Amino acid sequence: MNAVHVVLPGGVDDPATPSGGNVYDRRVCRGLVALGVAVHEVAVPGAWPSPDTAARAELAGALAAIADGSVVLLDGLVACGVPEVVVPHAGRLRLVVLVHLPLADETGLSPELASALDAAERQTLRAARAVVTTSPWATRRLVEHHGLTAVHTVTPGTDPAPTAPGTEAGTRLLCVASVTPRKGHDLLVEALAAVADLPWTCVCVGPLGDPGYVEDLRLLIERHHLADRVTLDGPRSGGSLDRAYASADLLVLASRAETYGMVVAEALARGIPVLATAVSGVPDTLGQAPAGGTPGLLVPPGDTDALAAALRRWLADPDLRRDLRRSARARGEALRSWDDCAQDLAGVLARLGG
């Protein structure tokens, strides 16, 4: 394959709104270029997956400008909600849709909107030459739910990173996630309140999403008298994010939905154990250390009691902390690289020709 057109949501490089999907898009584009593929990027601003008329028109114009027979990789956030724009080009372009999260699995949607997005996604994906997902769970979900066949799993990579030293008491908790209902910060705060008798601090790193949810979360933190122990630090990237990981003992993630959980892999790459909800793709990402042993703890999604109990175990049991750290280091050494990710995606695209 010599060239690919990549259609991305606008803001993919905005440091104020980092996300796992944006990181994935950016890293695979960079990786394809390193493999000698000519990558032609088209970033389309809009409130995806439910854009306004202007954004739809811009996407339609961008697709119309691409020559017949070209391989086009579309981020699913842009493509899946607007089949009326994308599907008419399926006959002349070799369309591949990259699904980070099935649209109807986003938290907080009304039943009517979820149903409409689900139907739109099905129409778009069935028209594509191929579909790429970022986790085995997402592949299973799309195959079973939409009746698809040409679905390929290309999981994210990780960068090598120094092992986080950790502290003996394990009291430094870190949550790396956008502050949105899907990421479950409210559940995390309730669980932390239940272990307020123990020493700990929790730094929450990530973009502050819906203002109403963020305000409710701040009020919840204040109501539990945790303002001096739980901080919402906003987005971090680069060296600032590296320092947050370096000072952490345990990554905590209370997500209600999570296709892969890139931050889980990022923590493991640094030998940091993980406490997360056993939702969607997270168990696959956490995995097992090569010689056995778990690199973290999983609890049922939405179960604040179970989350609090797991936090108490971590904070109270030095033997558990030692074992999880050992397994996290071993699991981190076995993670795949971003070069592996790019090569896998290039293989999928090459099979389409071009």
Protein backbone atom coordinates (compact mmCIF):
# COMPACT_ATOMS: atom_id res chain seq x y z
CA MET A 1 0.00 0.00 0.00
CA ASN A 2 1.45 3.35 -1.06
CA ALA A 3 -1.02 5.88 0.32
CA VAL A 4 -3.98 6.31 2.64
CA HIS A 5 -6.32 9.21 3.34
CA VAL A 6 -7.09 9.47 7.07
CA VAL A 7 -10.23 11.35 8.15
CA LEU A 8 -10.00 12.54 11.76
CA PRO A 9 -12.16 14.61 14.09
CA GLY A 10 -11.08 18.22 14.42
CA GLY A 11 -9.07 18.88 17.56
CA VAL A 12 -7.12 15.63 17.41
CA ASP A 13 -3.97 17.55 18.37
CA ASP A 14 -5.57 19.90 20.90
CA PRO A 15 -3.56 19.56 24.15
CA ALA A 16 -6.61 20.73 26.11
CA THR A 17 -8.61 17.66 25.09
CA PRO A 18 -6.31 14.63 25.09
CA SER A 19 -8.00 11.27 24.75
CA GLY A 20 -7.04 7.69 24.07
CA GLY A 21 -8.70 7.88 20.66
CA ASN A 22 -6.76 10.98 19.68
CA VAL A 23 -3.48 9.47 20.85
CA TYR A 24 -4.18 6.30 18.87
CA ASP A 25 -5.03 8.25 15.71
CA ARG A 26 -1.93 10.37 15.97
CA ARG A 27 0.43 7.48 16.71
CA VAL A 28 -0.79 5.23 13.90
CA CYS A 29 -0.54 8.08 11.40
CA ARG A 30 3.04 8.66 12.51
CA GLY A 31 3.76 4.94 12.39
CA LEU A 32 2.36 4.52 8.87
CA VAL A 33 4.57 7.35 7.64
CA ALA A 34 7.60 5.63 9.19
CA LEU A 35 6.66 2.51 7.21
CA GLY A 36 6.78 4.50 3.96
CA VAL A 37 3.04 5.06 3.55
CA ALA A 38 1.96 8.47 2.27
CA VAL A 39 -0.61 9.64 4.82
CA HIS A 40 -2.98 12.39 3.72
CA GLU A 41 -4.76 13.69 6.82
CA VAL A 42 -8.13 15.42 6.75
CA ALA A 43 -9.32 16.83 10.10
CA VAL A 44 -13.01 17.73 10.10
CA PRO A 45 -14.25 19.97 12.95
CA GLY A 46 -17.68 19.20 14.34
CA ALA A 47 -19.67 17.92 17.29
CA TRP A 48 -19.20 14.30 16.28
CA PRO A 49 -20.98 11.92 16.18
CA SER A 50 -23.96 14.32 15.90
CA PRO A 51 -22.60 17.19 13.80
CA ASP A 52 -24.39 20.23 12.47
CA THR A 53 -25.13 20.91 8.82
CA ALA A 54 -21.85 22.74 8.23
CA ALA A 55 -19.75 19.87 9.58
CA ARG A 56 -21.68 17.34 7.49
CA ALA A 57 -21.08 19.45 4.41
CA GLU A 58 -17.38 19.73 5.16
CA LEU A 59 -17.06 15.96 5.53
CA ALA A 60 -19.01 15.41 2.31
CA GLY A 61 -16.72 17.82 0.49
CA ALA A 62 -13.59 16.17 1.89
CA LEU A 63 -14.71 12.72 0.74
CA ALA A 64 -15.78 14.00 -2.67
CA ALA A 65 -12.29 15.44 -3.22
CA ILE A 66 -10.60 12.04 -2.77
CA ALA A 67 -9.84 10.19 -6.00
CA ASP A 68 -11.73 7.04 -6.95
CA GLY A 69 -10.14 3.82 -5.69
CA SER A 70 -8.28 5.47 -2.81
CA VAL A 71 -7.94 3.76 0.55
CA VAL A 72 -9.64 5.94 3.19
CA LEU A 73 -9.36 5.32 6.93
CA LEU A 74 -12.11 7.12 8.83
CA ASP A 75 -12.24 7.59 12.58
CA GLY A 76 -15.52 6.04 13.67
CA LEU A 77 -16.46 9.06 15.74
CA VAL A 78 -16.68 11.03 12.48
CA ALA A 79 -18.03 8.34 10.18
CA CYS A 80 -20.45 6.20 12.14
CA GLY A 81 -23.09 8.79 12.95
CA VAL A 82 -23.56 10.08 9.39
CA PRO A 83 -24.16 7.17 6.98
CA GLU A 84 -26.00 9.53 4.64
CA VAL A 85 -22.66 11.29 4.06
CA VAL A 86 -20.30 8.30 4.10
CA VAL A 87 -22.18 5.44 2.47
CA PRO A 88 -22.62 7.11 -0.97
CA HIS A 89 -18.82 6.98 -1.36
CA ALA A 90 -18.53 3.28 -0.48
CA GLY A 91 -18.73 2.18 -4.10
CA ARG A 92 -15.84 4.28 -5.35
CA LEU A 93 -13.55 4.54 -2.27
CA ARG A 94 -12.00 1.73 -0.25
CA LEU A 95 -13.43 2.72 3.11
CA VAL A 96 -12.04 1.43 6.39
CA VAL A 97 -13.68 2.59 9.63
CA LEU A 98 -11.70 2.70 12.87
CA VAL A 99 -14.01 2.18 15.86
CA HIS A 100 -12.69 3.32 19.23
CA LEU A 101 -16.01 2.91 21.07
CA PRO A 102 -19.35 1.75 19.65
CA LEU A 103 -21.47 4.89 19.57
CA ALA A 104 -24.41 3.56 21.58
CA ASP A 105 -22.06 2.50 24.41
CA GLU A 106 -21.32 6.08 25.39
CA THR A 107 -22.66 6.85 28.87
CA GLY A 108 -25.56 9.22 29.42
CA LEU A 109 -27.34 8.94 26.06
CA SER A 110 -31.12 8.95 25.96
CA PRO A 111 -32.60 5.66 24.72
CA GLU A 112 -33.81 7.41 21.57
CA LEU A 113 -30.41 8.88 20.73
CA ALA A 114 -28.59 5.62 21.52
CA SER A 115 -30.95 3.73 19.22
CA ALA A 116 -30.50 6.27 16.41
CA LEU A 117 -26.70 6.22 16.70
CA ASP A 118 -26.69 2.42 16.82
CA ALA A 119 -28.70 2.21 13.59
CA ALA A 120 -26.50 4.80 11.89
CA GLU A 121 -23.35 2.98 12.96
CA ARG A 122 -24.64 -0.34 11.62
CA GLN A 123 -25.40 1.22 8.24
CA THR A 124 -21.97 2.82 7.98
CA LEU A 125 -19.99 -0.23 9.10
CA ARG A 126 -21.84 -2.61 6.80
CA ALA A 127 -20.96 -0.38 3.85
CA ALA A 128 -17.24 -0.26 4.66
CA ARG A 129 -14.68 -2.58 3.05
CA ALA A 130 -13.24 -3.30 6.49
CA VAL A 131 -13.62 -2.28 10.12
CA VAL A 132 -10.77 -1.90 12.59
CA THR A 133 -11.26 -1.93 16.36
CA THR A 134 -8.81 -1.25 19.16
CA SER A 135 -9.63 -4.24 21.36
CA PRO A 136 -10.76 -7.88 21.17
CA TRP A 137 -13.86 -6.92 23.14
CA ALA A 138 -14.85 -4.29 20.56
CA THR A 139 -14.36 -6.77 17.73
CA ARG A 140 -16.60 -9.31 19.43
CA ARG A 141 -19.16 -6.61 20.14
CA LEU A 142 -19.37 -5.39 16.54
CA VAL A 143 -19.42 -8.88 15.03
CA GLU A 144 -22.23 -10.03 17.32
CA HIS A 145 -24.22 -6.81 17.44
CA HIS A 146 -24.01 -5.62 13.84
CA GLY A 147 -23.48 -8.96 12.07
CA LEU A 148 -20.14 -7.90 10.57
CA THR A 149 -17.46 -10.16 9.14
CA ALA A 150 -14.45 -8.06 8.06
CA VAL A 151 -13.47 -6.78 11.51
CA HIS A 152 -9.81 -6.57 12.50
CA THR A 153 -8.36 -5.98 15.96
CA VAL A 154 -5.39 -3.60 16.13
CA THR A 155 -4.69 -2.92 19.79
CA PRO A 156 -2.77 0.20 20.86
CA GLY A 157 0.93 0.19 21.59
CA THR A 158 2.86 1.59 24.51
CA ASP A 159 6.10 3.51 24.83
CA PRO A 160 8.98 2.26 26.97
CA ALA A 161 9.03 4.15 30.27
CA PRO A 162 11.07 4.11 33.49
CA THR A 163 9.65 2.01 36.29
CA ALA A 164 7.79 4.13 38.82
CA PRO A 165 9.56 3.72 42.17
CA GLY A 166 6.40 3.64 44.27
CA THR A 167 6.18 4.28 47.98
CA GLU A 168 6.22 1.71 50.74
CA ALA A 169 2.73 2.59 51.96
CA GLY A 170 1.20 2.75 48.47
CA THR A 171 -0.90 5.79 49.30
CA ARG A 172 -0.46 7.78 46.08
CA LEU A 173 -3.44 7.03 43.84
CA LEU A 174 -3.70 8.28 40.26
CA CYS A 175 -6.71 8.41 37.92
CA VAL A 176 -5.97 9.31 34.29
CA ALA A 177 -9.26 9.86 32.48
CA SER A 178 -11.44 12.58 31.03
CA VAL A 179 -13.82 13.82 33.73
CA THR A 180 -17.02 12.53 32.13
CA PRO A 181 -19.80 10.23 33.35
CA ARG A 182 -18.37 7.30 31.35
CA LYS A 183 -15.14 7.40 33.34
CA GLY A 184 -16.97 7.06 36.66
CA HIS A 185 -15.20 9.64 38.81
CA ASP A 186 -18.35 9.91 40.92
CA LEU A 187 -18.11 6.19 41.72
CA LEU A 188 -14.44 6.58 42.56
CA VAL A 189 -15.10 9.46 44.97
CA GLU A 190 -17.80 7.45 46.77
CA ALA A 191 -15.39 4.53 47.15
CA LEU A 192 -12.62 6.82 48.39
CA ALA A 193 -14.98 8.28 50.96
CA ALA A 194 -15.54 4.77 52.30
CA VAL A 195 -11.80 4.41 53.01
CA ALA A 196 -11.29 7.92 54.35
CA ASP A 197 -10.06 6.43 57.62
CA LEU A 198 -6.90 5.28 55.81
CA PRO A 199 -4.08 7.52 54.51
CA TRP A 200 -4.13 8.21 50.75
CA THR A 201 -4.26 10.98 48.16
CA CYS A 202 -5.78 10.76 44.69
CA VAL A 203 -4.76 12.92 41.74
CA CYS A 204 -7.24 12.94 38.85
CA VAL A 205 -5.63 13.89 35.55
CA GLY A 206 -7.71 14.53 32.45
CA PRO A 207 -9.79 17.09 30.57
CA LEU A 208 -12.72 18.52 32.49
CA GLY A 209 -15.70 17.52 30.37
CA ASP A 210 -19.36 18.41 30.79
CA PRO A 211 -19.45 21.42 33.16
CA GLY A 212 -22.54 20.14 34.96
CA TYR A 213 -20.94 16.78 35.71
CA VAL A 214 -17.70 18.42 36.82
CA GLU A 215 -19.57 20.76 39.17
CA ASP A 216 -21.55 17.87 40.64
CA LEU A 217 -18.29 15.99 41.14
CA ARG A 218 -16.70 18.92 42.96
CA LEU A 219 -19.74 19.15 45.22
CA LEU A 220 -19.51 15.42 45.92
CA ILE A 221 -15.85 15.77 46.87
CA GLU A 222 -16.68 18.64 49.22
CA ARG A 223 -19.65 16.80 50.73
CA HIS A 224 -17.35 13.94 51.71
CA HIS A 225 -14.72 16.39 53.03
CA LEU A 226 -12.12 15.13 50.55
CA ALA A 227 -11.08 18.42 48.95
CA ASP A 228 -7.62 18.20 50.49
CA ARG A 229 -7.16 14.61 49.27
CA VAL A 230 -8.78 14.43 45.82
CA THR A 231 -7.60 16.90 43.17
CA LEU A 232 -8.89 17.47 39.64
CA ASP A 233 -5.72 18.53 37.86
CA GLY A 234 -7.09 18.91 34.33
CA PRO A 235 -5.33 17.64 31.21
CA ARG A 236 -1.65 16.73 31.19
CA SER A 237 0.57 15.47 28.43
CA GLY A 238 4.22 14.88 27.69
CA GLY A 239 6.59 15.37 30.60
CA SER A 240 3.85 16.56 32.92
CA LEU A 241 1.89 13.34 32.46
CA ASP A 242 5.08 11.30 32.80
CA ARG A 243 5.73 12.92 36.18
CA ALA A 244 2.21 12.10 37.33
CA TYR A 245 2.78 8.44 36.53
CA ALA A 246 6.25 8.48 38.08
CA SER A 247 4.85 9.60 41.44
CA ALA A 248 1.96 7.11 41.49
CA ASP A 249 1.60 3.88 43.44
CA LEU A 250 -1.68 2.66 41.94
CA LEU A 251 -3.74 3.58 38.89
CA VAL A 252 -7.46 3.65 39.66
CA LEU A 253 -10.12 3.59 36.94
CA ALA A 254 -13.84 3.34 37.71
CA SER A 255 -15.12 3.46 34.11
CA ARG A 256 -18.64 2.49 33.16
CA ALA A 257 -17.42 1.65 29.61
CA GLU A 258 -13.90 1.32 28.22
CA THR A 259 -13.04 -0.23 24.85
CA TYR A 260 -9.38 -0.90 25.67
CA GLY A 261 -8.12 1.31 28.48
CA MET A 262 -4.89 2.78 27.14
CA VAL A 263 -4.07 4.28 30.52
CA VAL A 264 -4.06 0.76 31.96
CA ALA A 265 -1.30 -0.18 29.53
CA GLU A 266 0.54 3.09 30.19
CA ALA A 267 0.56 2.33 33.92
CA LEU A 268 1.71 -1.25 33.42
CA ALA A 269 4.53 -0.04 31.16
CA ARG A 270 5.82 1.77 34.25
CA GLY A 271 5.27 -1.18 36.58
CA ILE A 272 2.29 0.49 38.27
CA PRO A 273 -0.48 -1.89 39.38
CA VAL A 274 -4.05 -1.13 38.38
CA LEU A 275 -7.39 -1.16 40.17
CA ALA A 276 -10.16 -0.95 37.59
CA THR A 277 -13.70 -1.99 36.80
CA ALA A 278 -13.99 -5.25 34.86
CA VAL A 279 -15.83 -3.52 32.04
CA SER A 280 -15.67 -4.07 28.29
CA GLY A 281 -12.04 -4.35 27.14
CA VAL A 282 -10.23 -3.64 30.43
CA PRO A 283 -9.72 -7.29 31.52
CA ASP A 284 -8.01 -8.05 28.18
CA THR A 285 -5.73 -5.05 28.59
CA LEU A 286 -4.82 -5.83 32.19
CA GLY A 287 -4.11 -9.44 31.31
CA GLN A 288 -1.69 -11.61 33.24
CA ALA A 289 2.05 -11.48 33.80
CA PRO A 290 3.89 -13.89 31.46
CA ALA A 291 4.79 -16.24 34.33
CA GLY A 292 1.38 -15.91 35.93
CA GLY A 293 0.12 -13.52 38.53
CA THR A 294 -2.23 -10.59 38.17
CA PRO A 295 -0.91 -7.05 37.70
CA GLY A 296 -3.97 -5.51 39.28
CA LEU A 297 -7.42 -5.85 40.78
CA LEU A 298 -10.73 -5.89 38.91
CA VAL A 299 -14.13 -5.11 40.43
CA PRO A 300 -17.65 -5.16 38.95
CA PRO A 301 -18.60 -1.92 37.17
CA GLY A 302 -20.81 0.42 39.17
CA ASP A 303 -20.12 -1.39 42.46
CA THR A 304 -18.73 1.25 44.83
CA ASP A 305 -18.64 -1.22 47.74
CA ALA A 306 -16.43 -3.59 45.79
CA LEU A 307 -14.23 -0.71 44.66
CA ALA A 308 -13.86 0.50 48.25
CA ALA A 309 -13.05 -3.01 49.45
CA ALA A 310 -10.32 -3.37 46.81
CA LEU A 311 -8.87 0.01 47.79
CA ARG A 312 -8.80 -1.09 51.43
CA ARG A 313 -7.02 -4.32 50.49
CA TRP A 314 -4.38 -2.40 48.54
CA LEU A 315 -3.78 0.13 51.30
CA ALA A 316 -3.77 -2.38 54.16
CA ASP A 317 -1.82 -5.32 52.72
CA PRO A 318 1.90 -4.79 51.98
CA ASP A 319 2.26 -8.35 50.66
CA LEU A 320 -0.49 -7.70 48.11
CA ARG A 321 1.20 -4.48 47.01
CA ARG A 322 4.50 -6.29 46.56
CA ASP A 323 2.95 -9.10 44.50
CA LEU A 324 0.95 -6.76 42.28
CA ARG A 325 3.98 -4.58 41.64
CA ARG A 326 6.06 -7.57 40.63
CA SER A 327 3.36 -8.78 38.22
CA ALA A 328 2.78 -5.26 36.84
CA ARG A 329 6.47 -4.93 35.97
CA ALA A 330 6.47 -8.30 34.21
CA ARG A 331 3.24 -7.55 32.33
CA GLY A 332 4.56 -4.13 31.31
CA GLU A 333 7.66 -5.67 29.75
CA ALA A 334 5.46 -7.87 27.55
CA LEU A 335 3.28 -5.08 26.11
CA ARG A 336 3.38 -4.40 22.38
CA SER A 337 4.89 -1.26 20.88
CA TRP A 338 3.37 1.43 18.71
CA ASP A 339 5.52 0.10 15.86
CA ASP A 340 3.71 -3.22 16.23
CA CYS A 341 0.39 -1.38 16.14
CA ALA A 342 1.27 0.55 12.97
CA GLN A 343 2.52 -2.58 11.23
CA ASP A 344 -0.71 -4.43 12.00
CA LEU A 345 -2.82 -1.56 10.69
CA ALA A 346 -0.66 -1.27 7.57
CA GLY A 347 -1.28 -4.96 6.94
CA VAL A 348 -5.06 -4.48 7.13
CA LEU A 349 -4.92 -1.53 4.73
CA ALA A 350 -2.55 -3.32 2.34
CA ARG A 351 -5.03 -6.14 1.89
CA LEU A 352 -7.41 -3.60 0.36
CA GLY A 353 -4.85 -2.75 -2.32
CA GLY A 354 -3.77 0.70 -3.39
